[in-house]
N, C-alpha and C. Protein backbone atom coordinates (compact mmCIF):
# COMPACT_ATOMS: atom_id res chain seq x y z
N UNK A 1 -102.32 12.78 65.85
CA UNK A 1 -101.63 11.54 65.40
C UNK A 1 -100.82 11.14 66.62
N UNK A 2 -100.80 9.77 66.98
CA UNK A 2 -99.96 8.97 68.27
C UNK A 2 -98.17 9.39 67.46
N UNK A 3 -97.42 9.58 68.77
CA UNK A 3 -96.27 8.93 68.34
C UNK A 3 -95.76 7.67 68.71
N UNK A 4 -94.98 7.21 67.52
CA UNK A 4 -94.37 6.31 68.07
C UNK A 4 -92.65 6.03 68.05
N UNK A 5 -91.77 5.78 68.93
CA UNK A 5 -90.28 5.91 68.80
C UNK A 5 -90.13 4.61 69.47
N UNK A 6 -90.56 3.39 69.43
CA UNK A 6 -90.18 2.28 69.66
C UNK A 6 -91.04 1.25 69.02
N UNK A 7 -90.61 0.18 68.15
CA UNK A 7 -91.10 -0.78 67.45
C UNK A 7 -90.93 -1.90 67.91
N UNK A 8 -91.70 -2.92 68.58
CA UNK A 8 -90.76 -4.04 68.97
C UNK A 8 -91.40 -5.06 67.33
N UNK A 9 -90.65 -6.06 67.10
CA UNK A 9 -91.11 -7.05 65.92
C UNK A 9 -90.62 -8.27 66.26
N UNK A 10 -91.49 -9.04 66.98
CA UNK A 10 -91.32 -10.57 67.00
C UNK A 10 -91.01 -11.09 65.54
N UNK A 11 -90.36 -12.25 65.58
CA UNK A 11 -89.95 -12.55 64.51
C UNK A 11 -89.95 -14.36 64.99
N UNK A 12 -90.33 -15.17 64.00
CA UNK A 12 -90.20 -16.44 64.19
C UNK A 12 -88.90 -17.12 63.08
N UNK A 13 -88.44 -16.35 62.54
CA UNK A 13 -87.29 -16.97 61.86
C UNK A 13 -87.76 -17.83 60.55
N UNK A 14 -89.24 -17.49 60.18
CA UNK A 14 -89.30 -18.69 58.91
C UNK A 14 -88.99 -17.23 57.72
N UNK A 15 -89.54 -17.80 56.25
CA UNK A 15 -89.45 -17.25 55.59
C UNK A 15 -89.61 -15.48 55.30
N UNK A 16 -91.16 -15.68 56.06
CA UNK A 16 -91.81 -14.52 56.04
C UNK A 16 -91.35 -13.67 56.90
N UNK A 17 -90.28 -13.89 58.17
CA UNK A 17 -90.01 -13.00 59.03
C UNK A 17 -89.49 -11.34 58.32
N UNK A 18 -88.67 -11.61 57.36
CA UNK A 18 -87.95 -10.57 56.51
C UNK A 18 -89.25 -9.64 56.12
N UNK A 19 -90.21 -10.05 55.57
CA UNK A 19 -91.36 -9.49 54.94
C UNK A 19 -91.55 -8.35 56.18
N UNK A 20 -91.91 -8.78 57.41
CA UNK A 20 -92.00 -8.23 58.78
C UNK A 20 -91.45 -7.28 59.05
N UNK A 21 -89.89 -7.57 59.02
CA UNK A 21 -89.17 -6.70 59.36
C UNK A 21 -89.09 -5.60 58.54
N UNK A 22 -89.10 -5.66 57.34
CA UNK A 22 -89.56 -4.48 55.96
C UNK A 22 -90.36 -3.64 56.30
N UNK A 23 -91.54 -3.99 56.28
CA UNK A 23 -92.82 -4.09 56.88
C UNK A 23 -92.61 -2.43 58.28
N UNK A 24 -91.90 -3.17 59.04
CA UNK A 24 -91.74 -2.34 60.55
C UNK A 24 -91.05 -0.95 60.41
N UNK A 25 -89.93 -1.48 59.52
CA UNK A 25 -88.87 -0.45 59.20
C UNK A 25 -89.71 0.69 58.52
N UNK A 26 -90.14 0.25 57.40
CA UNK A 26 -91.16 1.46 56.61
C UNK A 26 -91.89 2.41 57.95
N UNK A 27 -92.21 1.77 58.77
CA UNK A 27 -93.49 2.22 59.40
C UNK A 27 -92.51 2.99 60.59
N UNK A 28 -91.42 2.56 60.65
CA UNK A 28 -90.42 3.83 61.53
C UNK A 28 -90.01 4.76 61.00
N UNK A 29 -89.56 4.75 59.82
CA UNK A 29 -88.66 6.06 58.81
C UNK A 29 -89.90 7.22 59.17
N UNK A 30 -90.85 7.83 58.84
CA UNK A 30 -91.27 8.74 59.03
C UNK A 30 -91.46 9.18 60.69
N UNK A 31 -91.60 8.38 61.65
CA UNK A 31 -91.51 8.41 63.10
C UNK A 31 -90.13 8.77 63.54
N UNK A 32 -88.85 8.21 62.72
CA UNK A 32 -87.89 8.05 63.66
C UNK A 32 -87.52 7.26 64.57
N UNK A 33 -88.24 6.28 64.52
CA UNK A 33 -88.64 5.01 65.48
C UNK A 33 -87.37 4.24 65.61
N UNK A 34 -87.12 3.76 66.53
CA UNK A 34 -85.91 2.40 66.78
C UNK A 34 -87.14 1.14 66.69
N UNK A 35 -86.40 0.16 66.09
CA UNK A 35 -87.31 -1.18 65.88
C UNK A 35 -86.11 -2.05 66.55
N UNK A 36 -86.42 -2.97 67.35
CA UNK A 36 -86.21 -3.93 67.78
C UNK A 36 -86.62 -5.04 67.32
N UNK A 37 -85.49 -6.34 67.01
CA UNK A 37 -86.36 -7.55 66.08
C UNK A 37 -86.11 -8.37 67.16
N UNK A 38 -86.51 -9.36 67.56
CA UNK A 38 -86.54 -10.33 68.71
C UNK A 38 -87.01 -11.67 68.36
N UNK A 39 -86.50 -12.31 68.72
CA UNK A 39 -86.92 -14.16 68.13
C UNK A 39 -87.14 -14.47 69.76
N UNK A 40 -88.06 -15.24 70.41
CA UNK A 40 -88.17 -15.48 71.39
C UNK A 40 -88.07 -17.29 71.25
N UNK A 41 -87.13 -17.73 71.67
CA UNK A 41 -86.99 -19.39 71.50
C UNK A 41 -87.48 -20.04 72.85
N UNK A 42 -88.54 -21.14 72.39
CA UNK A 42 -89.13 -21.74 73.66
C UNK A 42 -88.26 -23.26 73.60
N UNK A 43 -87.50 -23.12 74.76
CA UNK A 43 -87.31 -24.68 75.36
C UNK A 43 -88.22 -25.55 74.84
N UNK A 44 -87.84 -26.90 74.02
CA UNK A 44 -88.88 -27.82 74.39
C UNK A 44 -89.24 -28.51 75.43
N UNK A 45 -90.44 -28.79 75.48
CA UNK A 45 -91.17 -29.31 76.78
C UNK A 45 -91.30 -31.01 77.02
N UNK A 46 -90.82 -31.23 76.04
CA UNK A 46 -91.22 -32.61 75.45
C UNK A 46 -89.53 -33.34 75.93
N UNK A 47 -88.67 -32.77 75.77
CA UNK A 47 -87.17 -33.37 76.12
C UNK A 47 -87.26 -33.98 77.48
N UNK A 48 -87.50 -35.08 77.48
CA UNK A 48 -86.99 -35.87 78.85
C UNK A 48 -85.18 -35.90 79.12
N UNK A 49 -85.27 -35.39 80.55
CA UNK A 49 -83.94 -35.27 81.31
C UNK A 49 -83.48 -36.13 81.28
N UNK A 50 -83.86 -37.70 80.79
CA UNK A 50 -83.26 -38.82 81.02
C UNK A 50 -82.21 -39.07 79.32
N UNK A 51 -82.82 -38.23 78.43
CA UNK A 51 -82.37 -38.10 77.07
C UNK A 51 -80.96 -37.54 77.09
N UNK A 52 -81.12 -36.60 77.70
CA UNK A 52 -80.13 -35.66 77.53
C UNK A 52 -78.79 -36.26 78.78
N UNK A 53 -79.16 -36.71 79.67
CA UNK A 53 -77.89 -37.49 80.58
C UNK A 53 -77.56 -38.71 79.55
N UNK A 54 -78.34 -39.41 78.72
CA UNK A 54 -77.70 -40.27 77.91
C UNK A 54 -76.89 -40.12 76.88
N UNK A 55 -77.13 -38.68 76.48
CA UNK A 55 -76.10 -38.35 75.73
C UNK A 55 -75.11 -37.48 76.00
N UNK A 56 -73.79 -37.92 76.15
CA UNK A 56 -72.41 -37.61 76.69
C UNK A 56 -72.22 -35.91 76.40
N UNK A 57 -71.84 -35.26 77.43
CA UNK A 57 -71.66 -33.91 77.35
C UNK A 57 -73.16 -33.02 76.96
N UNK A 58 -73.75 -33.61 77.10
CA UNK A 58 -75.34 -32.63 76.39
C UNK A 58 -76.00 -32.70 78.25
N UNK A 59 -76.97 -31.31 78.15
CA UNK A 59 -77.62 -31.26 79.12
C UNK A 59 -78.46 -29.80 78.79
N UNK A 60 -79.88 -29.60 79.34
CA UNK A 60 -80.38 -28.36 78.89
C UNK A 60 -79.59 -27.34 78.84
N UNK A 61 -78.58 -26.92 79.08
CA UNK A 61 -77.75 -25.58 79.41
C UNK A 61 -76.97 -25.77 77.59
N UNK A 62 -76.66 -26.92 77.58
CA UNK A 62 -75.71 -26.72 76.20
C UNK A 62 -76.98 -26.78 75.29
N UNK A 63 -78.10 -27.53 75.31
CA UNK A 63 -79.37 -27.46 74.31
C UNK A 63 -79.48 -26.05 73.66
N UNK A 64 -79.72 -25.39 75.07
CA UNK A 64 -80.45 -23.86 75.02
C UNK A 64 -79.09 -22.87 74.21
N UNK A 65 -77.79 -23.62 74.54
CA UNK A 65 -76.56 -22.17 73.87
C UNK A 65 -76.64 -22.85 72.34
N UNK A 66 -76.74 -24.35 72.01
CA UNK A 66 -76.60 -24.45 70.43
C UNK A 66 -77.93 -23.55 69.76
N UNK A 67 -78.93 -23.81 70.48
CA UNK A 67 -80.45 -23.14 69.61
C UNK A 67 -80.05 -21.86 69.87
N UNK A 68 -80.01 -21.19 70.59
CA UNK A 68 -79.45 -19.63 70.51
C UNK A 68 -78.57 -18.93 69.55
N UNK A 69 -77.56 -20.06 69.57
CA UNK A 69 -76.44 -19.46 68.61
C UNK A 69 -76.99 -19.63 67.43
N UNK A 70 -77.35 -20.99 67.30
CA UNK A 70 -78.46 -21.37 65.77
C UNK A 70 -79.28 -19.99 65.29
N UNK A 71 -80.27 -19.59 66.51
CA UNK A 71 -81.15 -18.31 65.96
C UNK A 71 -80.66 -17.17 65.77
N UNK A 72 -79.05 -17.18 66.32
CA UNK A 72 -78.50 -15.77 66.29
C UNK A 72 -77.98 -15.87 65.21
N UNK A 73 -77.43 -16.71 64.47
CA UNK A 73 -76.96 -17.38 63.24
C UNK A 73 -78.08 -16.50 62.27
N UNK A 74 -78.83 -17.08 62.68
CA UNK A 74 -80.43 -17.07 61.56
C UNK A 74 -80.28 -15.62 61.09
N UNK A 75 -81.02 -15.21 62.46
CA UNK A 75 -81.25 -13.93 62.89
C UNK A 75 -80.67 -12.83 61.79
N UNK A 76 -79.39 -13.02 62.29
CA UNK A 76 -78.16 -12.10 61.53
C UNK A 76 -78.39 -11.96 60.21
N UNK A 77 -78.44 -13.37 59.93
CA UNK A 77 -78.60 -13.29 58.14
C UNK A 77 -79.94 -12.69 57.65
N UNK A 78 -80.79 -12.81 58.29
CA UNK A 78 -82.08 -12.68 57.94
C UNK A 78 -81.89 -10.90 57.78
N UNK A 79 -81.39 -10.12 59.03
CA UNK A 79 -81.11 -8.74 59.19
C UNK A 79 -80.05 -8.29 58.24
N UNK A 80 -79.20 -8.64 57.56
CA UNK A 80 -78.25 -8.36 56.37
C UNK A 80 -78.87 -8.47 55.17
N UNK A 81 -80.10 -8.85 54.80
CA UNK A 81 -81.04 -8.61 53.83
C UNK A 81 -81.44 -7.86 53.68
N UNK A 82 -81.69 -7.26 52.55
CA UNK A 82 -82.67 -6.08 52.37
C UNK A 82 -81.75 -4.73 52.11
N UNK A 83 -82.55 -3.85 51.99
CA UNK A 83 -81.82 -2.59 52.17
C UNK A 83 -81.74 -1.50 53.37
N UNK A 84 -80.94 -1.12 53.54
CA UNK A 84 -80.51 -0.50 54.71
C UNK A 84 -81.47 0.27 55.15
N UNK A 85 -81.59 0.24 56.67
CA UNK A 85 -83.01 0.80 57.21
C UNK A 85 -83.06 2.04 57.36
N UNK A 86 -82.40 2.67 57.63
CA UNK A 86 -82.27 4.38 57.59
C UNK A 86 -82.85 4.33 59.45
N UNK A 87 -83.36 3.56 59.97
CA UNK A 87 -83.78 4.14 61.56
C UNK A 87 -82.64 3.00 62.29
N UNK A 88 -82.33 3.54 63.99
CA UNK A 88 -82.37 2.29 64.47
C UNK A 88 -82.22 1.40 64.72
N UNK A 89 -81.83 -0.11 64.40
CA UNK A 89 -82.56 -1.55 64.41
C UNK A 89 -81.42 -2.31 65.01
N UNK A 90 -82.18 -2.67 65.88
CA UNK A 90 -81.43 -3.79 66.76
C UNK A 90 -81.77 -5.21 66.99
N UNK A 91 -81.33 -6.30 67.40
CA UNK A 91 -81.63 -7.56 67.17
C UNK A 91 -81.54 -8.25 68.79
N UNK A 92 -82.33 -9.12 68.91
CA UNK A 92 -82.14 -9.71 70.48
C UNK A 92 -83.02 -11.40 70.14
N UNK A 93 -82.03 -12.40 70.70
CA UNK A 93 -82.50 -13.23 70.91
C UNK A 93 -83.43 -13.28 72.62
N UNK A 94 -84.14 -13.88 72.90
CA UNK A 94 -84.78 -14.42 74.33
C UNK A 94 -84.90 -15.52 74.70
N UNK A 95 -85.05 -16.53 75.45
CA UNK A 95 -85.26 -17.59 75.93
C UNK A 95 -86.60 -17.71 76.61
N UNK A 96 -87.88 -18.01 76.00
CA UNK A 96 -88.70 -18.29 76.96
C UNK A 96 -90.29 -18.51 76.00
N UNK A 97 -91.17 -18.62 76.56
CA UNK A 97 -92.43 -18.78 76.33
C UNK A 97 -92.54 -17.70 75.23
N UNK A 98 -92.99 -18.22 73.85
CA UNK A 98 -93.12 -16.64 72.94
C UNK A 98 -93.85 -15.64 73.47
N UNK A 99 -94.87 -15.40 73.54
CA UNK A 99 -96.14 -14.52 74.03
C UNK A 99 -95.77 -13.97 75.31
N UNK A 100 -95.59 -14.42 76.22
CA UNK A 100 -95.56 -13.80 77.26
C UNK A 100 -93.88 -13.06 77.61
N UNK A 101 -92.95 -13.89 76.33
CA UNK A 101 -91.44 -13.21 76.36
C UNK A 101 -92.01 -11.61 75.74
N UNK A 102 -92.93 -11.74 74.56
CA UNK A 102 -93.07 -10.72 73.92
C UNK A 102 -93.20 -9.80 74.62
N UNK A 103 -94.42 -10.36 75.49
CA UNK A 103 -95.87 -8.98 75.99
C UNK A 103 -94.35 -8.65 77.15
N UNK A 104 -93.73 -9.13 78.02
CA UNK A 104 -92.41 -8.80 78.95
C UNK A 104 -91.45 -7.90 78.43
N UNK A 105 -90.83 -8.07 76.93
CA UNK A 105 -90.41 -7.01 76.39
C UNK A 105 -90.82 -6.03 76.04
N UNK A 106 -91.89 -5.87 75.52
CA UNK A 106 -92.60 -4.72 75.32
C UNK A 106 -93.02 -3.82 76.52
N UNK A 107 -93.00 -4.22 77.53
CA UNK A 107 -93.67 -3.56 78.76
C UNK A 107 -92.23 -3.21 79.22
N UNK A 108 -91.49 -3.83 79.19
CA UNK A 108 -89.71 -3.60 79.83
C UNK A 108 -89.32 -2.05 78.92
N UNK A 109 -89.71 -2.57 77.42
CA UNK A 109 -89.09 -1.10 76.85
C UNK A 109 -89.83 -0.45 76.30
N UNK A 110 -90.71 -0.58 76.88
CA UNK A 110 -91.59 0.60 76.52
C UNK A 110 -92.19 0.86 75.08
N UNK A 111 -92.26 -0.05 74.24
CA UNK A 111 -92.50 -0.11 72.98
C UNK A 111 -93.79 0.20 72.68
N UNK A 112 -94.21 1.40 71.55
CA UNK A 112 -95.25 1.97 71.24
C UNK A 112 -96.08 1.30 70.44
N UNK A 113 -95.12 -0.02 69.99
CA UNK A 113 -96.19 -0.54 68.72
C UNK A 113 -95.41 -1.72 68.70
N UNK A 114 -96.15 -3.37 68.53
CA UNK A 114 -95.75 -4.45 68.07
C UNK A 114 -95.96 -4.90 66.76
N UNK A 115 -95.31 -5.32 65.99
CA UNK A 115 -95.43 -5.24 64.35
C UNK A 115 -94.97 -7.01 64.56
N UNK A 116 -96.03 -7.91 64.17
CA UNK A 116 -95.85 -9.49 63.85
C UNK A 116 -96.53 -10.25 63.29
N UNK A 117 -95.75 -11.03 62.14
CA UNK A 117 -96.70 -11.64 61.68
C UNK A 117 -97.47 -12.74 62.11
N UNK A 118 -98.45 -13.34 61.10
CA UNK A 118 -99.17 -14.24 61.51
C UNK A 118 -99.60 -15.38 60.20
N UNK A 119 -99.72 -16.65 60.65
CA UNK A 119 -99.76 -17.37 59.74
C UNK A 119 -101.48 -17.78 59.61
N UNK A 120 -101.98 -17.08 60.24
CA UNK A 120 -103.53 -17.36 59.37
C UNK A 120 -103.83 -18.80 59.97
N UNK A 121 -103.48 -19.76 60.73
CA UNK A 121 -104.12 -20.76 60.79
C UNK A 121 -105.53 -21.19 61.46
N UNK A 122 -105.97 -22.15 61.14
CA UNK A 122 -107.61 -22.33 61.70
C UNK A 122 -107.79 -23.45 61.83
N UNK A 123 -109.00 -23.68 62.79
CA UNK A 123 -109.39 -24.91 63.07
C UNK A 123 -108.25 -25.76 64.01
N UNK A 124 -107.88 -27.02 63.34
CA UNK A 124 -107.34 -28.38 64.28
C UNK A 124 -105.65 -27.72 64.49
N UNK A 125 -104.88 -27.24 63.32
CA UNK A 125 -103.66 -26.58 63.20
C UNK A 125 -103.53 -25.70 64.43
N UNK A 126 -104.47 -24.77 64.27
CA UNK A 126 -104.58 -23.45 65.52
C UNK A 126 -104.76 -23.74 66.73
N UNK A 127 -105.65 -24.68 66.95
CA UNK A 127 -106.04 -25.11 68.07
C UNK A 127 -104.85 -26.07 68.83
N UNK A 128 -104.25 -27.02 68.06
CA UNK A 128 -103.08 -27.47 68.34
C UNK A 128 -101.81 -26.67 68.57
N UNK A 129 -101.57 -25.67 67.70
CA UNK A 129 -100.71 -25.14 67.97
C UNK A 129 -100.66 -23.89 68.37
N UNK A 130 -101.54 -23.61 68.96
CA UNK A 130 -101.88 -21.99 69.70
C UNK A 130 -101.43 -20.88 68.16
N UNK A 131 -101.89 -20.01 68.96
CA UNK A 131 -101.70 -18.38 68.27
C UNK A 131 -100.61 -17.48 68.87
N UNK A 132 -99.60 -17.31 68.74
CA UNK A 132 -98.80 -16.32 69.17
C UNK A 132 -99.12 -15.00 69.04
N UNK A 133 -99.31 -14.67 67.80
CA UNK A 133 -100.20 -13.42 67.67
C UNK A 133 -101.37 -13.21 68.44
N UNK A 134 -102.31 -14.28 68.56
CA UNK A 134 -103.33 -14.10 69.11
C UNK A 134 -102.92 -13.80 70.52
N UNK A 135 -102.53 -14.27 71.16
CA UNK A 135 -102.35 -14.17 72.37
C UNK A 135 -101.74 -12.67 72.70
N UNK A 136 -101.03 -12.21 71.76
CA UNK A 136 -100.40 -11.02 72.16
C UNK A 136 -100.79 -10.09 71.82
N UNK A 137 -102.17 -10.06 70.62
CA UNK A 137 -103.18 -9.18 70.45
C UNK A 137 -103.90 -9.10 71.79
N UNK A 138 -103.92 -9.94 72.21
CA UNK A 138 -105.26 -9.74 73.45
C UNK A 138 -104.82 -9.30 74.71
N UNK A 139 -103.27 -9.70 74.80
CA UNK A 139 -102.71 -9.22 76.08
C UNK A 139 -102.24 -8.00 76.17
N UNK A 140 -101.52 -7.47 75.01
CA UNK A 140 -100.73 -6.39 74.52
C UNK A 140 -101.28 -5.24 75.46
N UNK A 141 -100.40 -4.23 75.74
CA UNK A 141 -100.80 -2.54 76.34
C UNK A 141 -100.36 -1.87 75.52
N UNK A 142 -99.85 -2.05 74.25
CA UNK A 142 -100.27 -0.89 72.86
C UNK A 142 -100.43 -1.95 71.95
N UNK A 143 -100.60 -0.92 70.79
CA UNK A 143 -101.43 -1.37 69.67
C UNK A 143 -100.34 -2.71 68.94
N UNK A 144 -100.96 -3.66 68.27
CA UNK A 144 -100.29 -4.55 67.45
C UNK A 144 -100.88 -4.64 66.30
N UNK A 145 -100.13 -4.72 65.06
CA UNK A 145 -100.28 -4.74 63.99
C UNK A 145 -100.06 -5.97 63.20
N UNK A 146 -100.76 -6.65 62.89
CA UNK A 146 -100.50 -8.52 62.50
C UNK A 146 -100.36 -7.92 60.92
N UNK A 147 -99.41 -8.74 60.29
CA UNK A 147 -99.21 -8.85 58.73
C UNK A 147 -99.38 -10.25 58.93
N UNK A 148 -100.26 -10.74 57.72
CA UNK A 148 -100.61 -12.11 57.43
C UNK A 148 -99.61 -12.72 56.48
N UNK A 149 -99.05 -13.77 56.87
CA UNK A 149 -97.86 -14.19 55.86
C UNK A 149 -98.48 -15.82 55.29
N UNK A 150 -98.74 -15.06 53.92
CA UNK A 150 -98.60 -16.37 53.08
C UNK A 150 -97.90 -17.52 52.98
N UNK A 151 -97.97 -18.57 52.89
CA UNK A 151 -97.51 -19.75 53.03
C UNK A 151 -96.21 -19.61 51.52
N UNK A 152 -95.00 -19.81 52.07
CA UNK A 152 -93.98 -19.70 50.98
C UNK A 152 -93.75 -21.04 50.65
N UNK A 153 -93.52 -21.44 49.15
CA UNK A 153 -93.15 -22.61 48.54
C UNK A 153 -91.53 -22.29 47.99
């Protein structure tokens, strides 16, 4: 059986993120593996620089700062839910396109496993929104375990 010492857990901060974190922690315990929970914030591609210039005091750096700060608060709140992990767990917010950022981080941190949620979109929504999980599964150099997240009401 392969040993697992580092598990990367990309989350989108949706309601299902905590479910994925809990699953990864349960997997990590028998191996005494560390868990790194990461959220990749993607700067919007549709914000015209002219709009930011028209808003006094705003620029792309201030937008990024506010977004990263909000994501950090949300991730911290999610991390504080649930039972104590019993294994080392860290959290990180990174800026960049989600799939490539996750793949780069997995390589850089020498992760043995990626555990991530997927919403299982099909048809037009999948075509329009893409699937971060699908891109990661297709290109990762380590195993990827996907957890199907049901829609939460």
